[in-house]
Amino acid sequence: MPERIINMGEGVPSHQAKNDFMRRAWHVFYLRPRNERIASRLISNHGYEVFCPEVQKIKRWKNRQRKKVSLPLFPNYLFVYTYPHELFAIRNFSQVVNFVSFAGKPSIISEKEIHGIRLMLNVGVAITVETQFSSGEHVRIVSGPLTGHEGILIKRRNKSRFGIRLKAINHAVFIDIGQSDLEKL
């Protein structure tokens, strides 16, 4: 008996829908508060590739003592490189609330966006994450470690800031950059 392929998308050939379903991608998971490290460790111990970006911040305690701590760049979010059919298995971890979805489909972050965030973390410049931002010009970086990455440009306090927008979780990652390193698209 021939294999029956179910059309999973409207207007998409059934073999394409099957290929998309079998392709690994970076999926976004929403976690319980302050469980990023535990969830990251547990999920990676089960053989999944996990990305939980962290930034160093100086925290000041009530006794005026200052200490450098690692905080998640995206609190309560974890990126896992996996197949779509494994989402429910990952969701069963006690630290995971659910996978992020949009219009009934699991949200996916592109390889290029993940790579861009990793490069931003390695540059050594302060990184900020914003959920409220104004739309700016679309630009491409022409020099430096982020060469070739495209994103949005926002000007704040006489500084140019380059951002990569993660539509799946409505966040944008920004880094200060000189205008000489940019070109308009």
N, C-alpha and C. Protein backbone atom coordinates (compact mmCIF):
# COMPACT_ATOMS: atom_id res chain seq x y z
N MET A 1 0.85 -1.18 0.00
CA MET A 1 0.00 0.00 0.00
C MET A 1 0.89 1.24 0.00
N PRO A 2 0.64 2.22 -0.89
CA PRO A 2 1.49 3.40 -0.96
C PRO A 2 1.34 4.26 0.28
N GLU A 3 2.42 4.98 0.59
CA GLU A 3 2.42 5.87 1.76
C GLU A 3 1.48 7.04 1.52
N ARG A 4 0.66 7.33 2.48
CA ARG A 4 -0.30 8.42 2.37
C ARG A 4 0.29 9.65 3.02
N ILE A 5 0.35 10.74 2.27
CA ILE A 5 0.90 11.99 2.79
C ILE A 5 -0.26 12.97 2.97
N ILE A 6 -0.34 13.52 4.16
CA ILE A 6 -1.42 14.45 4.48
C ILE A 6 -0.94 15.86 4.20
N ASN A 7 -1.75 16.64 3.50
CA ASN A 7 -1.42 18.03 3.23
C ASN A 7 -1.64 18.84 4.50
N MET A 8 -0.53 19.36 5.08
CA MET A 8 -0.60 20.06 6.36
C MET A 8 -0.73 21.57 6.18
N GLY A 9 -0.59 22.08 5.00
CA GLY A 9 -0.70 23.52 4.78
C GLY A 9 -1.52 23.79 3.56
N GLU A 10 -2.32 24.83 3.57
CA GLU A 10 -3.17 25.15 2.46
C GLU A 10 -2.32 25.70 1.32
N GLY A 11 -2.45 25.17 0.14
CA GLY A 11 -1.72 25.65 -1.01
C GLY A 11 -0.27 25.18 -1.04
N VAL A 12 0.13 24.35 -0.09
CA VAL A 12 1.50 23.84 -0.04
C VAL A 12 1.46 22.39 -0.49
N PRO A 13 2.34 22.02 -1.42
CA PRO A 13 2.36 20.60 -1.83
C PRO A 13 2.62 19.72 -0.63
N SER A 14 2.02 18.53 -0.63
CA SER A 14 2.10 17.65 0.53
C SER A 14 3.54 17.23 0.83
N HIS A 15 4.39 17.03 -0.18
CA HIS A 15 5.77 16.66 0.09
C HIS A 15 6.52 17.80 0.76
N GLN A 16 6.18 19.05 0.43
CA GLN A 16 6.82 20.21 1.08
C GLN A 16 6.39 20.29 2.55
N ALA A 17 5.12 20.05 2.83
CA ALA A 17 4.64 20.09 4.22
C ALA A 17 5.33 19.00 5.04
N LYS A 18 5.52 17.83 4.44
CA LYS A 18 6.19 16.74 5.15
C LYS A 18 7.65 17.10 5.41
N ASN A 19 8.33 17.72 4.42
CA ASN A 19 9.72 18.12 4.60
C ASN A 19 9.85 19.18 5.69
N ASP A 20 8.93 20.13 5.74
CA ASP A 20 8.97 21.16 6.79
C ASP A 20 8.76 20.54 8.16
N PHE A 21 7.91 19.53 8.23
CA PHE A 21 7.63 18.88 9.50
C PHE A 21 8.83 18.07 9.98
N MET A 22 9.67 17.63 9.08
CA MET A 22 10.82 16.79 9.43
C MET A 22 12.11 17.60 9.58
N ARG A 23 12.05 18.92 9.43
CA ARG A 23 13.23 19.76 9.47
C ARG A 23 13.45 20.31 10.87
N ARG A 24 14.69 20.23 11.34
CA ARG A 24 15.04 20.81 12.64
C ARG A 24 15.10 22.32 12.52
N ALA A 25 14.70 22.99 13.58
CA ALA A 25 14.73 24.45 13.61
C ALA A 25 14.82 24.91 15.06
N TRP A 26 15.10 26.18 15.26
CA TRP A 26 15.15 26.76 16.60
C TRP A 26 13.73 27.12 17.01
N HIS A 27 13.22 26.39 17.99
CA HIS A 27 11.90 26.64 18.53
C HIS A 27 12.03 27.38 19.86
N VAL A 28 11.02 28.15 20.19
CA VAL A 28 11.04 28.97 21.40
C VAL A 28 10.12 28.35 22.45
N PHE A 29 10.63 28.24 23.68
CA PHE A 29 9.86 27.72 24.79
C PHE A 29 9.74 28.78 25.88
N TYR A 30 8.56 28.86 26.46
CA TYR A 30 8.33 29.78 27.58
C TYR A 30 8.47 28.97 28.86
N LEU A 31 9.28 29.48 29.79
CA LEU A 31 9.61 28.75 31.01
C LEU A 31 8.99 29.37 32.24
N ARG A 32 8.99 28.62 33.31
CA ARG A 32 8.59 29.15 34.61
C ARG A 32 9.64 30.19 35.02
N PRO A 33 9.25 31.17 35.83
CA PRO A 33 10.20 32.23 36.22
C PRO A 33 11.45 31.67 36.88
N ARG A 34 12.58 32.23 36.49
CA ARG A 34 13.91 31.92 37.05
C ARG A 34 14.29 30.43 36.92
N ASN A 35 13.87 29.80 35.84
CA ASN A 35 14.19 28.39 35.61
C ASN A 35 15.03 28.19 34.35
N GLU A 36 15.64 29.25 33.82
CA GLU A 36 16.37 29.16 32.56
C GLU A 36 17.56 28.20 32.66
N ARG A 37 18.36 28.31 33.70
CA ARG A 37 19.55 27.46 33.82
C ARG A 37 19.18 26.00 34.03
N ILE A 38 18.23 25.74 34.90
CA ILE A 38 17.82 24.37 35.19
C ILE A 38 17.23 23.71 33.93
N ALA A 39 16.32 24.43 33.26
CA ALA A 39 15.69 23.89 32.06
C ALA A 39 16.73 23.67 30.97
N SER A 40 17.65 24.61 30.82
CA SER A 40 18.69 24.49 29.82
C SER A 40 19.53 23.24 30.06
N ARG A 41 19.92 23.03 31.30
CA ARG A 41 20.75 21.86 31.64
C ARG A 41 19.99 20.56 31.43
N LEU A 42 18.74 20.50 31.91
CA LEU A 42 17.95 19.27 31.78
C LEU A 42 17.67 18.90 30.33
N ILE A 43 17.28 19.89 29.55
CA ILE A 43 16.93 19.63 28.15
C ILE A 43 18.18 19.25 27.36
N SER A 44 19.30 19.92 27.62
CA SER A 44 20.53 19.56 26.89
C SER A 44 21.03 18.17 27.31
N ASN A 45 20.79 17.76 28.56
CA ASN A 45 21.16 16.42 29.00
C ASN A 45 20.36 15.33 28.28
N HIS A 46 19.22 15.70 27.72
CA HIS A 46 18.42 14.75 26.94
C HIS A 46 18.78 14.77 25.46
N GLY A 47 19.89 15.42 25.11
CA GLY A 47 20.39 15.37 23.74
C GLY A 47 19.95 16.49 22.83
N TYR A 48 19.30 17.50 23.34
CA TYR A 48 18.86 18.62 22.51
C TYR A 48 19.89 19.74 22.55
N GLU A 49 20.01 20.47 21.45
CA GLU A 49 20.87 21.65 21.43
C GLU A 49 20.05 22.82 21.96
N VAL A 50 20.58 23.48 22.99
CA VAL A 50 19.86 24.54 23.69
C VAL A 50 20.65 25.84 23.60
N PHE A 51 19.94 26.95 23.45
CA PHE A 51 20.56 28.28 23.45
C PHE A 51 19.82 29.16 24.44
N CYS A 52 20.53 29.54 25.49
CA CYS A 52 19.98 30.43 26.51
C CYS A 52 21.00 31.55 26.73
N PRO A 53 20.92 32.62 25.94
CA PRO A 53 21.93 33.68 26.04
C PRO A 53 21.88 34.38 27.38
N GLU A 54 23.07 34.67 27.92
CA GLU A 54 23.18 35.37 29.20
C GLU A 54 24.08 36.58 29.04
N VAL A 55 23.82 37.60 29.85
CA VAL A 55 24.65 38.80 29.90
C VAL A 55 25.13 39.01 31.32
N GLN A 56 26.28 39.64 31.45
CA GLN A 56 26.84 39.96 32.76
C GLN A 56 26.34 41.32 33.20
N LYS A 57 25.81 41.40 34.40
CA LYS A 57 25.34 42.67 34.97
C LYS A 57 25.91 42.79 36.37
N ILE A 58 26.10 44.03 36.79
CA ILE A 58 26.53 44.27 38.16
C ILE A 58 25.28 44.54 38.98
N LYS A 59 25.08 43.71 39.97
CA LYS A 59 23.91 43.82 40.83
C LYS A 59 24.34 44.40 42.17
N ARG A 60 23.54 45.32 42.66
CA ARG A 60 23.85 45.97 43.92
C ARG A 60 22.86 45.47 44.97
N TRP A 61 23.38 44.90 46.04
CA TRP A 61 22.56 44.36 47.11
C TRP A 61 22.20 45.45 48.12
N LYS A 62 21.31 45.15 49.03
CA LYS A 62 20.87 46.12 50.02
C LYS A 62 22.01 46.61 50.91
N ASN A 63 23.00 45.77 51.15
CA ASN A 63 24.11 46.18 52.00
C ASN A 63 25.21 46.90 51.18
N ARG A 64 24.84 47.42 50.01
CA ARG A 64 25.70 48.19 49.10
C ARG A 64 26.83 47.38 48.49
N GLN A 65 26.79 46.11 48.67
CA GLN A 65 27.79 45.25 48.07
C GLN A 65 27.43 45.05 46.59
N ARG A 66 28.43 45.07 45.74
CA ARG A 66 28.20 44.89 44.31
C ARG A 66 28.81 43.57 43.87
N LYS A 67 28.07 42.91 43.00
CA LYS A 67 28.53 41.61 42.53
C LYS A 67 28.13 41.46 41.06
N LYS A 68 29.02 40.86 40.28
CA LYS A 68 28.74 40.60 38.87
C LYS A 68 27.97 39.29 38.78
N VAL A 69 26.80 39.33 38.14
CA VAL A 69 25.96 38.14 38.00
C VAL A 69 25.60 37.94 36.53
N SER A 70 25.34 36.69 36.18
CA SER A 70 24.86 36.36 34.84
C SER A 70 23.35 36.29 34.86
N LEU A 71 22.73 37.05 33.97
CA LEU A 71 21.28 37.07 33.86
C LEU A 71 20.88 36.67 32.44
N PRO A 72 19.74 36.00 32.29
CA PRO A 72 19.31 35.63 30.94
C PRO A 72 18.98 36.88 30.12
N LEU A 73 19.37 36.86 28.86
CA LEU A 73 19.08 37.97 27.96
C LEU A 73 17.58 38.06 27.69
N PHE A 74 16.92 36.91 27.59
CA PHE A 74 15.47 36.85 27.41
C PHE A 74 14.88 36.08 28.59
N PRO A 75 14.51 36.76 29.67
CA PRO A 75 13.97 36.05 30.83
C PRO A 75 12.75 35.20 30.45
N ASN A 76 12.71 33.99 30.96
CA ASN A 76 11.61 33.04 30.77
C ASN A 76 11.55 32.42 29.38
N TYR A 77 12.54 32.65 28.52
CA TYR A 77 12.54 32.07 27.18
C TYR A 77 13.77 31.20 26.99
N LEU A 78 13.60 30.13 26.23
CA LEU A 78 14.69 29.21 25.92
C LEU A 78 14.53 28.78 24.46
N PHE A 79 15.64 28.74 23.74
CA PHE A 79 15.63 28.32 22.34
C PHE A 79 16.19 26.91 22.25
N VAL A 80 15.45 26.03 21.58
CA VAL A 80 15.86 24.63 21.44
C VAL A 80 15.84 24.26 19.96
N TYR A 81 16.96 23.67 19.50
CA TYR A 81 17.09 23.24 18.11
C TYR A 81 16.57 21.81 18.03
N THR A 82 15.37 21.66 17.49
CA THR A 82 14.71 20.36 17.51
C THR A 82 13.73 20.23 16.35
N TYR A 83 13.19 19.03 16.23
CA TYR A 83 12.15 18.73 15.24
C TYR A 83 10.78 19.11 15.81
N PRO A 84 9.85 19.49 14.95
CA PRO A 84 8.51 19.85 15.44
C PRO A 84 7.81 18.72 16.22
N HIS A 85 8.02 17.47 15.83
CA HIS A 85 7.33 16.38 16.51
C HIS A 85 7.87 16.14 17.93
N GLU A 86 9.00 16.78 18.31
CA GLU A 86 9.56 16.62 19.64
C GLU A 86 9.14 17.74 20.61
N LEU A 87 8.36 18.69 20.13
CA LEU A 87 7.97 19.83 20.97
C LEU A 87 7.19 19.40 22.20
N PHE A 88 6.32 18.43 22.05
CA PHE A 88 5.49 18.00 23.19
C PHE A 88 6.31 17.27 24.24
N ALA A 89 7.34 16.55 23.80
CA ALA A 89 8.22 15.87 24.76
C ALA A 89 8.98 16.90 25.59
N ILE A 90 9.44 17.97 24.95
CA ILE A 90 10.16 19.02 25.67
C ILE A 90 9.22 19.78 26.58
N ARG A 91 8.00 19.97 26.13
CA ARG A 91 7.01 20.69 26.94
C ARG A 91 6.69 19.95 28.24
N ASN A 92 6.94 18.65 28.29
CA ASN A 92 6.64 17.87 29.49
C ASN A 92 7.63 18.08 30.62
N PHE A 93 8.76 18.76 30.39
CA PHE A 93 9.67 19.08 31.48
C PHE A 93 8.96 20.03 32.44
N SER A 94 9.17 19.84 33.72
CA SER A 94 8.43 20.62 34.71
C SER A 94 8.74 22.12 34.66
N GLN A 95 9.91 22.50 34.17
CA GLN A 95 10.28 23.92 34.10
C GLN A 95 9.67 24.63 32.89
N VAL A 96 9.20 23.86 31.92
CA VAL A 96 8.66 24.42 30.69
C VAL A 96 7.15 24.62 30.83
N VAL A 97 6.70 25.82 30.51
CA VAL A 97 5.26 26.10 30.54
C VAL A 97 4.64 25.64 29.22
N ASN A 98 5.22 26.10 28.09
CA ASN A 98 4.70 25.72 26.78
C ASN A 98 5.68 26.19 25.71
N PHE A 99 5.47 25.72 24.50
CA PHE A 99 6.24 26.27 23.39
C PHE A 99 5.47 27.46 22.85
N VAL A 100 6.20 28.44 22.33
CA VAL A 100 5.59 29.65 21.81
C VAL A 100 5.06 29.36 20.42
N SER A 101 3.81 29.77 20.18
CA SER A 101 3.22 29.55 18.87
C SER A 101 2.53 30.82 18.40
N PHE A 102 2.33 30.89 17.10
CA PHE A 102 1.65 32.02 16.49
C PHE A 102 0.71 31.46 15.44
N ALA A 103 -0.54 31.83 15.51
CA ALA A 103 -1.57 31.36 14.58
C ALA A 103 -1.63 29.84 14.56
N GLY A 104 -1.45 29.22 15.71
CA GLY A 104 -1.56 27.78 15.83
C GLY A 104 -0.34 26.99 15.40
N LYS A 105 0.71 27.67 14.93
CA LYS A 105 1.92 26.99 14.50
C LYS A 105 3.06 27.36 15.44
N PRO A 106 3.95 26.41 15.76
CA PRO A 106 5.08 26.71 16.63
C PRO A 106 5.96 27.80 16.03
N SER A 107 6.36 28.76 16.86
CA SER A 107 7.22 29.85 16.40
C SER A 107 8.64 29.35 16.21
N ILE A 108 9.26 29.84 15.16
CA ILE A 108 10.61 29.43 14.81
C ILE A 108 11.50 30.67 14.70
N ILE A 109 12.70 30.57 15.25
CA ILE A 109 13.70 31.62 15.11
C ILE A 109 14.71 31.12 14.08
N SER A 110 15.07 31.97 13.15
CA SER A 110 15.98 31.54 12.07
C SER A 110 17.40 31.35 12.58
N GLU A 111 18.15 30.54 11.84
CA GLU A 111 19.56 30.31 12.16
C GLU A 111 20.32 31.63 12.14
N LYS A 112 19.98 32.50 11.21
CA LYS A 112 20.68 33.77 11.07
C LYS A 112 20.45 34.66 12.30
N GLU A 113 19.24 34.66 12.82
CA GLU A 113 18.96 35.46 14.02
C GLU A 113 19.72 34.92 15.23
N ILE A 114 19.75 33.61 15.40
CA ILE A 114 20.50 33.00 16.50
C ILE A 114 21.98 33.31 16.35
N HIS A 115 22.50 33.19 15.14
CA HIS A 115 23.90 33.49 14.89
C HIS A 115 24.20 34.96 15.19
N GLY A 116 23.30 35.86 14.81
CA GLY A 116 23.48 37.28 15.08
C GLY A 116 23.52 37.58 16.57
N ILE A 117 22.65 36.94 17.34
CA ILE A 117 22.66 37.13 18.80
C ILE A 117 23.96 36.63 19.39
N ARG A 118 24.43 35.47 18.93
CA ARG A 118 25.71 34.93 19.42
C ARG A 118 26.86 35.88 19.12
N LEU A 119 26.86 36.46 17.91
CA LEU A 119 27.92 37.41 17.57
C LEU A 119 27.84 38.66 18.44
N MET A 120 26.63 39.15 18.69
CA MET A 120 26.47 40.33 19.55
C MET A 120 27.01 40.06 20.95
N LEU A 121 26.78 38.86 21.46
CA LEU A 121 27.27 38.51 22.80
C LEU A 121 28.80 38.47 22.83
N ASN A 122 29.42 38.09 21.72
CA ASN A 122 30.88 37.97 21.67
C ASN A 122 31.59 39.28 21.39
N VAL A 123 30.87 40.32 20.96
CA VAL A 123 31.50 41.60 20.64
C VAL A 123 32.04 42.27 21.89
N GLY A 124 31.39 42.10 23.02
CA GLY A 124 31.85 42.69 24.27
C GLY A 124 31.26 44.06 24.55
N VAL A 125 30.25 44.45 23.80
CA VAL A 125 29.57 45.73 24.01
C VAL A 125 28.25 45.46 24.73
N ALA A 126 27.79 46.43 25.48
CA ALA A 126 26.54 46.26 26.22
C ALA A 126 25.38 45.96 25.27
N ILE A 127 24.59 44.97 25.63
CA ILE A 127 23.44 44.54 24.83
C ILE A 127 22.18 44.82 25.63
N THR A 128 21.16 45.32 24.94
CA THR A 128 19.88 45.53 25.61
C THR A 128 18.80 44.80 24.83
N VAL A 129 17.75 44.44 25.53
CA VAL A 129 16.58 43.81 24.91
C VAL A 129 15.39 44.71 25.19
N GLU A 130 14.63 44.97 24.16
CA GLU A 130 13.47 45.83 24.31
C GLU A 130 12.25 45.16 23.70
N THR A 131 11.12 45.37 24.35
CA THR A 131 9.87 44.86 23.78
C THR A 131 9.09 45.99 23.13
N GLN A 132 9.34 47.21 23.54
CA GLN A 132 8.69 48.37 22.94
C GLN A 132 9.75 49.15 22.17
N PHE A 133 9.63 49.19 20.87
CA PHE A 133 10.60 49.93 20.08
C PHE A 133 9.89 50.52 18.88
N SER A 134 10.43 51.62 18.38
CA SER A 134 9.84 52.25 17.22
C SER A 134 10.49 51.68 15.97
N SER A 135 9.71 51.58 14.93
CA SER A 135 10.25 51.06 13.68
C SER A 135 11.26 52.03 13.13
N GLY A 136 12.36 51.50 12.67
CA GLY A 136 13.41 52.33 12.09
C GLY A 136 13.73 51.87 10.69
N GLU A 137 14.85 52.37 10.20
CA GLU A 137 15.29 52.00 8.86
C GLU A 137 15.87 50.59 8.87
N HIS A 138 15.70 49.92 7.76
CA HIS A 138 16.32 48.61 7.60
C HIS A 138 17.73 48.82 7.09
N VAL A 139 18.70 48.22 7.79
CA VAL A 139 20.11 48.43 7.46
C VAL A 139 20.85 47.10 7.42
N ARG A 140 22.05 47.15 6.85
CA ARG A 140 22.95 46.00 6.82
C ARG A 140 24.30 46.47 7.35
N ILE A 141 24.95 45.64 8.15
CA ILE A 141 26.27 45.96 8.68
C ILE A 141 27.30 45.60 7.62
N VAL A 142 28.21 46.56 7.33
CA VAL A 142 29.19 46.36 6.27
C VAL A 142 30.61 46.11 6.80
N SER A 143 30.83 46.32 8.09
CA SER A 143 32.17 46.05 8.63
C SER A 143 32.06 45.63 10.09
N GLY A 144 33.07 44.91 10.55
CA GLY A 144 33.08 44.44 11.93
C GLY A 144 32.64 43.00 12.03
N PRO A 145 32.52 42.49 13.26
CA PRO A 145 32.19 41.08 13.45
C PRO A 145 30.78 40.70 13.00
N LEU A 146 29.88 41.66 12.89
CA LEU A 146 28.51 41.37 12.47
C LEU A 146 28.27 41.63 10.99
N THR A 147 29.33 41.70 10.18
CA THR A 147 29.22 42.01 8.76
C THR A 147 28.22 41.10 8.07
N GLY A 148 27.32 41.72 7.30
CA GLY A 148 26.34 40.97 6.53
C GLY A 148 24.99 40.81 7.21
N HIS A 149 24.91 41.06 8.51
CA HIS A 149 23.63 40.91 9.20
C HIS A 149 22.74 42.10 8.91
N GLU A 150 21.45 41.80 8.74
CA GLU A 150 20.47 42.82 8.47
C GLU A 150 19.58 42.99 9.69
N GLY A 151 19.12 44.21 9.89
CA GLY A 151 18.26 44.48 11.03
C GLY A 151 17.67 45.87 10.93
N ILE A 152 17.29 46.40 12.07
CA ILE A 152 16.69 47.73 12.12
C ILE A 152 17.61 48.69 12.84
N LEU A 153 17.53 49.95 12.46
CA LEU A 153 18.35 50.99 13.07
C LEU A 153 17.45 51.92 13.86
N ILE A 154 17.84 52.19 15.08
CA ILE A 154 17.10 53.11 15.95
C ILE A 154 18.10 54.08 16.54
N LYS A 155 17.72 55.33 16.61
CA LYS A 155 18.59 56.33 17.23
C LYS A 155 18.02 56.70 18.59
N ARG A 156 18.87 56.59 19.60
CA ARG A 156 18.50 56.96 20.96
C ARG A 156 19.65 57.70 21.59
N ARG A 157 19.35 58.83 22.17
CA ARG A 157 20.37 59.62 22.88
C ARG A 157 21.62 59.83 22.02
N ASN A 158 21.42 60.25 20.79
CA ASN A 158 22.50 60.55 19.85
C ASN A 158 23.39 59.34 19.54
N LYS A 159 22.89 58.14 19.74
CA LYS A 159 23.63 56.93 19.42
C LYS A 159 22.84 56.13 18.40
N SER A 160 23.56 55.47 17.52
CA SER A 160 22.92 54.56 16.57
C SER A 160 22.91 53.18 17.19
N ARG A 161 21.76 52.54 17.13
CA ARG A 161 21.63 51.20 17.70
C ARG A 161 21.13 50.26 16.62
N PHE A 162 21.82 49.13 16.47
CA PHE A 162 21.44 48.11 15.52
C PHE A 162 20.68 47.03 16.26
N GLY A 163 19.57 46.57 15.68
CA GLY A 163 18.77 45.56 16.36
C GLY A 163 18.35 44.42 15.46
N ILE A 164 18.28 43.26 16.07
CA ILE A 164 17.73 42.08 15.41
C ILE A 164 16.39 41.82 16.08
N ARG A 165 15.35 41.83 15.30
CA ARG A 165 14.00 41.66 15.84
C ARG A 165 13.58 40.20 15.79
N LEU A 166 13.17 39.67 16.94
CA LEU A 166 12.65 38.31 17.03
C LEU A 166 11.13 38.40 17.09
N LYS A 167 10.50 38.29 15.94
CA LYS A 167 9.06 38.46 15.86
C LYS A 167 8.30 37.42 16.67
N ALA A 168 8.87 36.23 16.81
CA ALA A 168 8.20 35.13 17.50
C ALA A 168 7.89 35.46 18.95
N ILE A 169 8.75 36.23 19.60
CA ILE A 169 8.53 36.56 21.01
C ILE A 169 8.39 38.06 21.23
N ASN A 170 8.27 38.83 20.14
CA ASN A 170 8.08 40.28 20.18
C ASN A 170 9.16 40.97 21.03
N HIS A 171 10.41 40.60 20.79
CA HIS A 171 11.56 41.22 21.43
C HIS A 171 12.55 41.63 20.34
N ALA A 172 13.39 42.58 20.67
CA ALA A 172 14.48 42.96 19.78
C ALA A 172 15.74 43.09 20.61
N VAL A 173 16.84 42.63 20.05
CA VAL A 173 18.15 42.71 20.70
C VAL A 173 18.91 43.85 20.04
N PHE A 174 19.41 44.80 20.86
CA PHE A 174 20.08 45.98 20.32
C PHE A 174 21.51 46.08 20.80
N ILE A 175 22.35 46.65 19.93
CA ILE A 175 23.75 46.89 20.25
C ILE A 175 24.11 48.26 19.66
N ASP A 176 24.92 49.03 20.38
CA ASP A 176 25.39 50.32 19.86
C ASP A 176 26.38 50.08 18.74
N ILE A 177 26.25 50.87 17.66
CA ILE A 177 27.12 50.68 16.49
C ILE A 177 27.32 52.02 15.80
N GLY A 178 28.47 52.21 15.20
CA GLY A 178 28.76 53.44 14.47
C GLY A 178 28.07 53.46 13.12
N GLN A 179 27.64 54.65 12.69
CA GLN A 179 26.94 54.75 11.42
C GLN A 179 27.83 54.42 10.24
N SER A 180 29.14 54.55 10.40
CA SER A 180 30.05 54.23 9.30
C SER A 180 30.07 52.73 9.00
N ASP A 181 29.59 51.92 9.93
CA ASP A 181 29.56 50.47 9.74
C ASP A 181 28.26 49.99 9.10
N LEU A 182 27.37 50.91 8.73
CA LEU A 182 26.04 50.53 8.24
C LEU A 182 25.80 51.03 6.83
N GLU A 183 24.88 50.33 6.13
CA GLU A 183 24.37 50.82 4.85
C GLU A 183 22.87 50.59 4.83
N LYS A 184 22.14 51.49 4.18
CA LYS A 184 20.69 51.36 4.08
C LYS A 184 20.34 50.28 3.07
N LEU A 185 19.23 49.62 3.31
CA LEU A 185 18.75 48.60 2.36
C LEU A 185 17.68 49.19 1.47
